[in-house]
N, C-alpha and C. Protein backbone atom coordinates (compact mmCIF):
# COMPACT_ATOMS: atom_id res chain seq x y z
N MET A 1 12.63 -12.91 -19.71
CA MET A 1 11.93 -14.07 -20.21
C MET A 1 10.78 -14.42 -19.28
N THR A 2 9.64 -14.68 -19.82
CA THR A 2 8.47 -15.03 -19.04
C THR A 2 8.36 -16.54 -18.92
N SER A 3 8.14 -17.00 -17.70
CA SER A 3 8.07 -18.44 -17.47
C SER A 3 6.71 -18.99 -17.88
N ASN A 4 6.66 -20.31 -18.02
CA ASN A 4 5.39 -20.97 -18.33
C ASN A 4 4.36 -20.72 -17.24
N SER A 5 4.82 -20.69 -16.00
CA SER A 5 3.90 -20.45 -14.88
C SER A 5 3.28 -19.06 -14.99
N THR A 6 4.11 -18.07 -15.27
CA THR A 6 3.61 -16.70 -15.39
C THR A 6 2.59 -16.60 -16.52
N LEU A 7 2.89 -17.23 -17.64
CA LEU A 7 1.94 -17.21 -18.76
C LEU A 7 0.63 -17.90 -18.38
N PHE A 8 0.73 -19.02 -17.66
CA PHE A 8 -0.46 -19.73 -17.22
C PHE A 8 -1.30 -18.84 -16.31
N TYR A 9 -0.65 -18.19 -15.34
CA TYR A 9 -1.39 -17.34 -14.40
C TYR A 9 -2.08 -16.19 -15.13
N ARG A 10 -1.38 -15.59 -16.08
CA ARG A 10 -1.98 -14.48 -16.84
C ARG A 10 -3.16 -14.96 -17.68
N THR A 11 -3.02 -16.15 -18.25
CA THR A 11 -4.12 -16.72 -19.04
C THR A 11 -5.33 -16.98 -18.17
N GLN A 12 -5.08 -17.49 -16.97
CA GLN A 12 -6.19 -17.76 -16.04
C GLN A 12 -6.87 -16.45 -15.61
N ALA A 13 -6.08 -15.41 -15.38
CA ALA A 13 -6.64 -14.12 -15.01
C ALA A 13 -7.51 -13.57 -16.13
N ASP A 14 -7.03 -13.67 -17.36
CA ASP A 14 -7.82 -13.21 -18.51
C ASP A 14 -9.11 -14.00 -18.65
N ALA A 15 -9.02 -15.31 -18.42
CA ALA A 15 -10.22 -16.15 -18.53
C ALA A 15 -11.23 -15.79 -17.44
N ALA A 16 -10.75 -15.52 -16.24
CA ALA A 16 -11.65 -15.14 -15.15
C ALA A 16 -12.33 -13.81 -15.45
N ARG A 17 -11.58 -12.85 -16.04
CA ARG A 17 -12.20 -11.57 -16.42
C ARG A 17 -13.25 -11.78 -17.51
N ALA A 18 -12.97 -12.66 -18.44
CA ALA A 18 -13.94 -12.95 -19.51
C ALA A 18 -15.20 -13.57 -18.92
N ARG A 19 -15.03 -14.50 -17.97
CA ARG A 19 -16.20 -15.10 -17.31
C ARG A 19 -16.98 -14.05 -16.55
N SER A 20 -16.28 -13.10 -15.95
CA SER A 20 -16.95 -12.02 -15.24
C SER A 20 -17.79 -11.17 -16.20
N ASP A 21 -17.24 -10.90 -17.37
CA ASP A 21 -17.97 -10.11 -18.37
C ASP A 21 -19.23 -10.83 -18.83
N ASP A 22 -19.16 -12.17 -18.88
CA ASP A 22 -20.29 -12.96 -19.35
C ASP A 22 -21.34 -13.21 -18.28
N ALA A 23 -20.97 -13.05 -17.02
CA ALA A 23 -21.89 -13.36 -15.92
C ALA A 23 -23.00 -12.31 -15.84
N THR A 24 -24.17 -12.77 -15.44
CA THR A 24 -25.31 -11.85 -15.30
C THR A 24 -25.56 -11.47 -13.85
N LEU A 25 -25.23 -12.36 -12.93
CA LEU A 25 -25.43 -12.06 -11.51
C LEU A 25 -24.24 -11.29 -10.95
N GLN A 26 -24.52 -10.26 -10.17
CA GLN A 26 -23.47 -9.40 -9.64
C GLN A 26 -22.48 -10.17 -8.76
N ASN A 27 -22.99 -11.07 -7.92
CA ASN A 27 -22.09 -11.80 -7.03
C ASN A 27 -21.17 -12.75 -7.82
N VAL A 28 -21.65 -13.27 -8.93
CA VAL A 28 -20.82 -14.13 -9.78
C VAL A 28 -19.74 -13.29 -10.47
N LYS A 29 -20.14 -12.11 -10.95
CA LYS A 29 -19.16 -11.20 -11.56
C LYS A 29 -18.04 -10.87 -10.57
N GLU A 30 -18.44 -10.52 -9.34
CA GLU A 30 -17.46 -10.16 -8.33
C GLU A 30 -16.55 -11.33 -7.98
N ASN A 31 -17.12 -12.53 -7.92
CA ASN A 31 -16.32 -13.72 -7.63
C ASN A 31 -15.26 -13.94 -8.71
N HIS A 32 -15.65 -13.80 -9.96
CA HIS A 32 -14.69 -13.97 -11.06
C HIS A 32 -13.63 -12.87 -11.04
N LEU A 33 -14.02 -11.66 -10.69
CA LEU A 33 -13.04 -10.57 -10.62
C LEU A 33 -12.04 -10.79 -9.48
N ARG A 34 -12.53 -11.32 -8.35
CA ARG A 34 -11.62 -11.64 -7.25
C ARG A 34 -10.64 -12.73 -7.68
N ALA A 35 -11.15 -13.70 -8.41
CA ALA A 35 -10.27 -14.77 -8.90
C ALA A 35 -9.22 -14.19 -9.85
N ALA A 36 -9.64 -13.28 -10.73
CA ALA A 36 -8.69 -12.65 -11.66
C ALA A 36 -7.61 -11.88 -10.90
N GLU A 37 -8.00 -11.19 -9.83
CA GLU A 37 -7.02 -10.47 -9.03
C GLU A 37 -6.02 -11.43 -8.39
N ALA A 38 -6.52 -12.56 -7.91
CA ALA A 38 -5.62 -13.55 -7.30
C ALA A 38 -4.65 -14.11 -8.35
N TRP A 39 -5.14 -14.41 -9.54
CA TRP A 39 -4.26 -14.89 -10.61
C TRP A 39 -3.23 -13.83 -10.98
N ASP A 40 -3.65 -12.56 -10.99
CA ASP A 40 -2.70 -11.48 -11.30
C ASP A 40 -1.59 -11.40 -10.26
N VAL A 41 -1.94 -11.60 -8.99
CA VAL A 41 -0.93 -11.59 -7.93
C VAL A 41 0.06 -12.74 -8.14
N LEU A 42 -0.47 -13.91 -8.45
CA LEU A 42 0.41 -15.05 -8.70
C LEU A 42 1.33 -14.79 -9.90
N ALA A 43 0.79 -14.18 -10.95
CA ALA A 43 1.61 -13.87 -12.13
C ALA A 43 2.71 -12.87 -11.77
N ALA A 44 2.37 -11.87 -10.98
CA ALA A 44 3.37 -10.87 -10.57
C ALA A 44 4.47 -11.52 -9.73
N ARG A 45 4.09 -12.39 -8.81
CA ARG A 45 5.08 -13.08 -7.97
C ARG A 45 5.98 -13.97 -8.82
N SER A 46 5.37 -14.68 -9.75
CA SER A 46 6.14 -15.57 -10.61
C SER A 46 7.12 -14.77 -11.47
N ASP A 47 6.65 -13.65 -12.00
CA ASP A 47 7.51 -12.79 -12.82
C ASP A 47 8.68 -12.25 -12.00
N LYS A 48 8.39 -11.81 -10.78
CA LYS A 48 9.44 -11.28 -9.91
C LYS A 48 10.45 -12.38 -9.57
N SER A 49 9.96 -13.57 -9.27
CA SER A 49 10.86 -14.68 -8.95
C SER A 49 11.77 -14.99 -10.13
N GLY A 50 11.22 -14.97 -11.32
CA GLY A 50 12.02 -15.23 -12.51
C GLY A 50 13.10 -14.19 -12.71
N ARG A 51 12.74 -12.92 -12.50
CA ARG A 51 13.73 -11.85 -12.64
C ARG A 51 14.83 -11.98 -11.60
N LEU A 52 14.44 -12.26 -10.34
CA LEU A 52 15.44 -12.40 -9.28
C LEU A 52 16.35 -13.60 -9.54
N ARG A 53 15.79 -14.68 -10.05
CA ARG A 53 16.58 -15.87 -10.36
C ARG A 53 17.59 -15.55 -11.46
N ALA A 54 17.16 -14.81 -12.48
CA ALA A 54 18.06 -14.44 -13.57
C ALA A 54 19.16 -13.50 -13.08
N GLU A 55 18.79 -12.54 -12.23
CA GLU A 55 19.79 -11.62 -11.68
C GLU A 55 20.82 -12.37 -10.84
N GLU A 56 20.35 -13.34 -10.06
CA GLU A 56 21.26 -14.12 -9.22
C GLU A 56 22.20 -14.96 -10.08
N ALA A 57 21.70 -15.51 -11.15
CA ALA A 57 22.54 -16.30 -12.06
C ALA A 57 23.61 -15.41 -12.69
N LEU A 58 23.25 -14.20 -13.07
CA LEU A 58 24.24 -13.26 -13.63
C LEU A 58 25.28 -12.88 -12.59
N ARG A 59 24.81 -12.66 -11.36
CA ARG A 59 25.74 -12.29 -10.29
C ARG A 59 26.74 -13.42 -10.05
N LYS A 60 26.27 -14.65 -10.01
CA LYS A 60 27.15 -15.79 -9.78
C LYS A 60 28.12 -15.98 -10.95
N ALA A 61 27.62 -15.79 -12.17
CA ALA A 61 28.50 -15.93 -13.34
C ALA A 61 29.58 -14.85 -13.30
N SER A 62 29.22 -13.66 -12.92
CA SER A 62 30.18 -12.57 -12.83
C SER A 62 31.21 -12.85 -11.73
N ALA A 63 30.76 -13.40 -10.63
CA ALA A 63 31.68 -13.72 -9.53
C ALA A 63 32.67 -14.80 -9.95
N LEU A 64 32.24 -15.74 -10.75
CA LEU A 64 33.15 -16.80 -11.23
C LEU A 64 34.20 -16.24 -12.18
N GLN A 65 33.82 -15.25 -12.96
CA GLN A 65 34.78 -14.64 -13.90
C GLN A 65 35.82 -13.82 -13.15
N ASP A 66 35.44 -13.28 -12.00
CA ASP A 66 36.35 -12.45 -11.21
C ASP A 66 37.40 -13.28 -10.48
N VAL A 67 37.16 -14.56 -10.36
CA VAL A 67 38.08 -15.43 -9.60
C VAL A 67 39.29 -15.77 -10.40
């Protein structure tokens, strides 16, 4: 399951790439691409955190059933 934060970060990355495509100055394009990369990193971290949280919840639920 993808969290709201992950979706937000991905949306921001897509928007930054779109702004980069629309920019005419090279330095502005590069700035938007750097921003998109940063948003992508945040999305990846958020996605990983969500997966780890879900795995931990399953582990705890399994441990409770074993008791």
